[in-house]
Amino acid sequence: MKRAMMINPADNVVVAADAISKGEEVYYDVNGERVVLTAATDVPVYHKLTIRDIAKGEKVVKYGCTIGVATADIPKGAHAHVQNFDSESLVR
């Protein structure tokens, strides 16, 4: 099982502490509770993966702050990165 880190309980993504392969189980702790999810895609080390489905147009939240907006539906356990969310729209 691979490890991920939740930065803030309000986040909808976690950060991979290890490189994760599609289908691997990933765990993270939130509010003292261990949560396990299955990776829907490969996720490079230190990249983000979603902890729930994120709909196109929905905010991507890390550090308890919006870091971008989904440009496509992102399924639970998927790699969240430039291919499926845009942070540029926050500065326009």
N, C-alpha and C. Protein backbone atom coordinates (compact mmCIF):
# COMPACT_ATOMS: atom_id res chain seq x y z
N MET A 1 0.86 -1.18 0.00
CA MET A 1 0.00 0.00 0.00
C MET A 1 0.90 1.24 0.00
N LYS A 2 0.55 2.23 -0.81
CA LYS A 2 1.33 3.45 -0.93
C LYS A 2 0.74 4.55 -0.04
N ARG A 3 1.57 5.54 0.28
CA ARG A 3 1.16 6.60 1.21
C ARG A 3 0.95 7.91 0.46
N ALA A 4 -0.05 8.65 0.91
CA ALA A 4 -0.29 10.01 0.43
C ALA A 4 -0.52 10.89 1.65
N MET A 5 -0.41 12.20 1.45
CA MET A 5 -0.57 13.13 2.56
C MET A 5 -1.70 14.11 2.29
N MET A 6 -2.58 14.25 3.26
CA MET A 6 -3.61 15.28 3.18
C MET A 6 -3.05 16.50 3.90
N ILE A 7 -3.10 17.64 3.23
CA ILE A 7 -2.56 18.87 3.80
C ILE A 7 -3.59 19.54 4.71
N ASN A 8 -4.85 19.57 4.29
CA ASN A 8 -5.92 20.23 5.03
C ASN A 8 -7.18 19.39 4.88
N PRO A 9 -7.95 19.16 5.92
CA PRO A 9 -9.16 18.34 5.81
C PRO A 9 -10.19 18.86 4.81
N ALA A 10 -10.09 20.12 4.38
CA ALA A 10 -11.00 20.66 3.38
C ALA A 10 -10.58 20.31 1.95
N ASP A 11 -9.39 19.71 1.78
CA ASP A 11 -8.87 19.41 0.45
C ASP A 11 -9.67 18.30 -0.24
N ASN A 12 -9.69 18.35 -1.58
CA ASN A 12 -10.27 17.24 -2.35
C ASN A 12 -9.18 16.50 -3.14
N VAL A 13 -7.92 16.81 -2.83
CA VAL A 13 -6.78 16.07 -3.37
C VAL A 13 -5.80 15.78 -2.22
N VAL A 14 -4.99 14.73 -2.42
CA VAL A 14 -3.89 14.42 -1.51
C VAL A 14 -2.61 14.37 -2.34
N VAL A 15 -1.47 14.42 -1.67
CA VAL A 15 -0.18 14.42 -2.35
C VAL A 15 0.47 13.04 -2.19
N ALA A 16 0.87 12.45 -3.31
CA ALA A 16 1.50 11.13 -3.30
C ALA A 16 2.89 11.21 -2.68
N ALA A 17 3.15 10.44 -1.64
CA ALA A 17 4.47 10.40 -1.01
C ALA A 17 5.37 9.40 -1.72
N ASP A 18 4.79 8.58 -2.58
CA ASP A 18 5.50 7.60 -3.38
C ASP A 18 4.90 7.63 -4.78
N ALA A 19 5.64 7.14 -5.78
CA ALA A 19 5.04 6.95 -7.10
C ALA A 19 3.97 5.87 -6.97
N ILE A 20 2.82 6.10 -7.58
CA ILE A 20 1.68 5.20 -7.43
C ILE A 20 1.28 4.68 -8.81
N SER A 21 1.04 3.39 -8.89
CA SER A 21 0.58 2.78 -10.14
C SER A 21 -0.93 2.58 -10.10
N LYS A 22 -1.55 2.69 -11.26
CA LYS A 22 -2.99 2.46 -11.38
C LYS A 22 -3.35 1.13 -10.73
N GLY A 23 -4.40 1.15 -9.92
CA GLY A 23 -4.87 -0.06 -9.26
C GLY A 23 -4.29 -0.29 -7.87
N GLU A 24 -3.22 0.44 -7.52
CA GLU A 24 -2.64 0.29 -6.18
C GLU A 24 -3.52 0.96 -5.14
N GLU A 25 -3.51 0.39 -3.93
CA GLU A 25 -4.20 1.02 -2.82
C GLU A 25 -3.30 2.11 -2.25
N VAL A 26 -3.93 3.22 -1.88
CA VAL A 26 -3.24 4.38 -1.33
C VAL A 26 -3.93 4.74 -0.03
N TYR A 27 -3.13 5.07 0.98
CA TYR A 27 -3.74 5.50 2.24
C TYR A 27 -3.26 6.89 2.62
N TYR A 28 -4.13 7.58 3.34
CA TYR A 28 -3.79 8.88 3.93
C TYR A 28 -4.59 9.01 5.22
N ASP A 29 -4.13 9.89 6.09
CA ASP A 29 -4.81 10.10 7.37
C ASP A 29 -5.46 11.47 7.37
N VAL A 30 -6.68 11.52 7.88
CA VAL A 30 -7.40 12.78 8.02
C VAL A 30 -8.15 12.76 9.35
N ASN A 31 -7.91 13.79 10.15
CA ASN A 31 -8.55 13.89 11.47
C ASN A 31 -8.37 12.62 12.29
N GLY A 32 -7.17 12.03 12.24
CA GLY A 32 -6.87 10.85 13.02
C GLY A 32 -7.42 9.55 12.47
N GLU A 33 -8.03 9.58 11.31
CA GLU A 33 -8.63 8.38 10.72
C GLU A 33 -7.89 8.02 9.43
N ARG A 34 -7.60 6.75 9.25
CA ARG A 34 -6.95 6.27 8.04
C ARG A 34 -8.00 6.04 6.96
N VAL A 35 -7.72 6.56 5.77
CA VAL A 35 -8.60 6.40 4.62
C VAL A 35 -7.81 5.67 3.54
N VAL A 36 -8.45 4.73 2.86
CA VAL A 36 -7.81 3.98 1.78
C VAL A 36 -8.62 4.18 0.51
N LEU A 37 -7.91 4.44 -0.59
CA LEU A 37 -8.56 4.53 -1.90
C LEU A 37 -7.71 3.79 -2.92
N THR A 38 -8.29 3.49 -4.06
CA THR A 38 -7.58 2.80 -5.13
C THR A 38 -7.24 3.81 -6.22
N ALA A 39 -5.99 3.80 -6.65
CA ALA A 39 -5.56 4.74 -7.69
C ALA A 39 -6.22 4.39 -9.02
N ALA A 40 -6.85 5.38 -9.63
CA ALA A 40 -7.52 5.20 -10.93
C ALA A 40 -6.54 5.36 -12.09
N THR A 41 -5.40 6.01 -11.82
CA THR A 41 -4.37 6.26 -12.83
C THR A 41 -3.01 6.17 -12.14
N ASP A 42 -1.96 6.15 -12.93
CA ASP A 42 -0.62 6.30 -12.37
C ASP A 42 -0.49 7.74 -11.85
N VAL A 43 0.23 7.90 -10.74
CA VAL A 43 0.45 9.23 -10.15
C VAL A 43 1.93 9.33 -9.77
N PRO A 44 2.66 10.28 -10.34
CA PRO A 44 4.07 10.45 -9.97
C PRO A 44 4.21 10.90 -8.52
N VAL A 45 5.36 10.61 -7.94
CA VAL A 45 5.64 11.03 -6.57
C VAL A 45 5.50 12.56 -6.46
N TYR A 46 4.92 13.00 -5.37
CA TYR A 46 4.68 14.41 -5.02
C TYR A 46 3.62 15.08 -5.89
N HIS A 47 2.92 14.32 -6.71
CA HIS A 47 1.80 14.88 -7.47
C HIS A 47 0.50 14.62 -6.72
N LYS A 48 -0.56 15.22 -7.19
CA LYS A 48 -1.86 15.15 -6.52
C LYS A 48 -2.73 14.04 -7.10
N LEU A 49 -3.53 13.41 -6.24
CA LEU A 49 -4.59 12.53 -6.70
C LEU A 49 -5.86 12.88 -5.95
N THR A 50 -6.96 12.67 -6.62
CA THR A 50 -8.25 13.09 -6.07
C THR A 50 -8.75 12.08 -5.04
N ILE A 51 -9.44 12.59 -4.02
CA ILE A 51 -10.00 11.71 -3.00
C ILE A 51 -11.49 11.46 -3.22
N ARG A 52 -12.03 12.14 -4.22
CA ARG A 52 -13.43 11.94 -4.62
C ARG A 52 -13.56 12.41 -6.06
N ASP A 53 -14.67 12.08 -6.70
CA ASP A 53 -14.91 12.59 -8.05
C ASP A 53 -14.97 14.12 -8.01
N ILE A 54 -14.34 14.76 -8.99
CA ILE A 54 -14.40 16.21 -9.13
C ILE A 54 -14.97 16.49 -10.51
N ALA A 55 -16.08 17.21 -10.56
CA ALA A 55 -16.77 17.49 -11.82
C ALA A 55 -16.09 18.63 -12.58
N LYS A 56 -16.20 18.57 -13.90
CA LYS A 56 -15.71 19.66 -14.74
C LYS A 56 -16.29 20.98 -14.23
N GLY A 57 -15.43 22.00 -14.06
CA GLY A 57 -15.86 23.30 -13.56
C GLY A 57 -15.78 23.45 -12.05
N GLU A 58 -15.57 22.34 -11.35
CA GLU A 58 -15.47 22.38 -9.89
C GLU A 58 -14.06 22.80 -9.45
N LYS A 59 -13.96 23.40 -8.30
CA LYS A 59 -12.67 23.83 -7.76
C LYS A 59 -11.85 22.63 -7.29
N VAL A 60 -10.54 22.71 -7.54
CA VAL A 60 -9.57 21.75 -6.99
C VAL A 60 -8.97 22.43 -5.76
N VAL A 61 -9.05 21.74 -4.61
CA VAL A 61 -8.67 22.36 -3.34
C VAL A 61 -7.49 21.61 -2.71
N LYS A 62 -6.42 22.37 -2.42
CA LYS A 62 -5.24 21.86 -1.73
C LYS A 62 -4.81 22.96 -0.76
N TYR A 63 -4.28 22.61 0.38
CA TYR A 63 -3.92 23.57 1.43
C TYR A 63 -5.15 24.29 1.97
N GLY A 64 -6.34 23.75 1.71
CA GLY A 64 -7.57 24.42 2.11
C GLY A 64 -7.93 25.58 1.21
N CYS A 65 -7.19 25.73 0.09
CA CYS A 65 -7.39 26.84 -0.85
C CYS A 65 -7.64 26.30 -2.25
N THR A 66 -8.36 27.05 -3.03
CA THR A 66 -8.56 26.68 -4.43
C THR A 66 -7.26 26.87 -5.19
N ILE A 67 -6.81 25.79 -5.86
CA ILE A 67 -5.57 25.88 -6.65
C ILE A 67 -5.86 25.78 -8.14
N GLY A 68 -7.12 25.56 -8.49
CA GLY A 68 -7.47 25.46 -9.90
C GLY A 68 -8.92 25.06 -10.07
N VAL A 69 -9.31 24.92 -11.34
CA VAL A 69 -10.66 24.52 -11.70
C VAL A 69 -10.56 23.35 -12.67
N ALA A 70 -11.33 22.31 -12.43
CA ALA A 70 -11.30 21.12 -13.28
C ALA A 70 -11.74 21.47 -14.70
N THR A 71 -10.94 21.07 -15.68
CA THR A 71 -11.27 21.29 -17.10
C THR A 71 -11.93 20.07 -17.70
N ALA A 72 -12.02 19.00 -16.92
CA ALA A 72 -12.68 17.75 -17.31
C ALA A 72 -13.13 17.08 -16.01
N ASP A 73 -14.02 16.12 -16.13
CA ASP A 73 -14.37 15.34 -14.95
C ASP A 73 -13.12 14.56 -14.52
N ILE A 74 -12.83 14.57 -13.22
CA ILE A 74 -11.67 13.86 -12.69
C ILE A 74 -12.20 12.81 -11.71
N PRO A 75 -12.04 11.53 -12.03
CA PRO A 75 -12.58 10.50 -11.13
C PRO A 75 -11.76 10.35 -9.85
N LYS A 76 -12.39 9.82 -8.84
CA LYS A 76 -11.73 9.54 -7.57
C LYS A 76 -10.50 8.68 -7.81
N GLY A 77 -9.37 9.07 -7.20
CA GLY A 77 -8.14 8.30 -7.31
C GLY A 77 -7.30 8.63 -8.52
N ALA A 78 -7.70 9.64 -9.30
CA ALA A 78 -6.97 9.99 -10.52
C ALA A 78 -5.91 11.06 -10.25
N HIS A 79 -4.93 11.09 -11.13
CA HIS A 79 -3.88 12.11 -11.11
C HIS A 79 -4.51 13.46 -11.46
N ALA A 80 -4.36 14.44 -10.59
CA ALA A 80 -4.87 15.79 -10.85
C ALA A 80 -3.67 16.66 -11.21
N HIS A 81 -3.64 17.13 -12.44
CA HIS A 81 -2.49 17.89 -12.94
C HIS A 81 -2.95 18.72 -14.14
N VAL A 82 -2.02 19.27 -14.88
CA VAL A 82 -2.35 20.18 -15.98
C VAL A 82 -3.25 19.56 -17.05
N GLN A 83 -3.30 18.23 -17.13
CA GLN A 83 -4.14 17.59 -18.14
C GLN A 83 -5.62 17.66 -17.80
N ASN A 84 -5.96 17.98 -16.55
CA ASN A 84 -7.38 17.97 -16.19
C ASN A 84 -7.81 19.10 -15.25
N PHE A 85 -6.90 20.03 -14.94
CA PHE A 85 -7.35 21.24 -14.24
C PHE A 85 -6.44 22.41 -14.59
N ASP A 86 -7.01 23.59 -14.45
CA ASP A 86 -6.34 24.83 -14.87
C ASP A 86 -6.20 25.76 -13.68
N SER A 87 -4.96 26.13 -13.38
CA SER A 87 -4.75 27.10 -12.30
C SER A 87 -4.59 28.51 -12.85
N GLU A 88 -4.33 28.63 -14.13
CA GLU A 88 -4.17 29.93 -14.77
C GLU A 88 -5.45 30.78 -14.65
N SER A 89 -6.60 30.12 -14.68
CA SER A 89 -7.87 30.87 -14.63
C SER A 89 -8.02 31.62 -13.31
N LEU A 90 -7.27 31.25 -12.29
CA LEU A 90 -7.37 31.93 -11.00
C LEU A 90 -6.71 33.30 -11.01
N VAL A 91 -5.78 33.51 -11.93
CA VAL A 91 -5.05 34.77 -11.94
C VAL A 91 -5.53 35.71 -13.05
N ARG A 92 -6.50 35.29 -13.82
CA ARG A 92 -7.03 36.13 -14.89
C ARG A 92 -8.08 37.08 -14.39
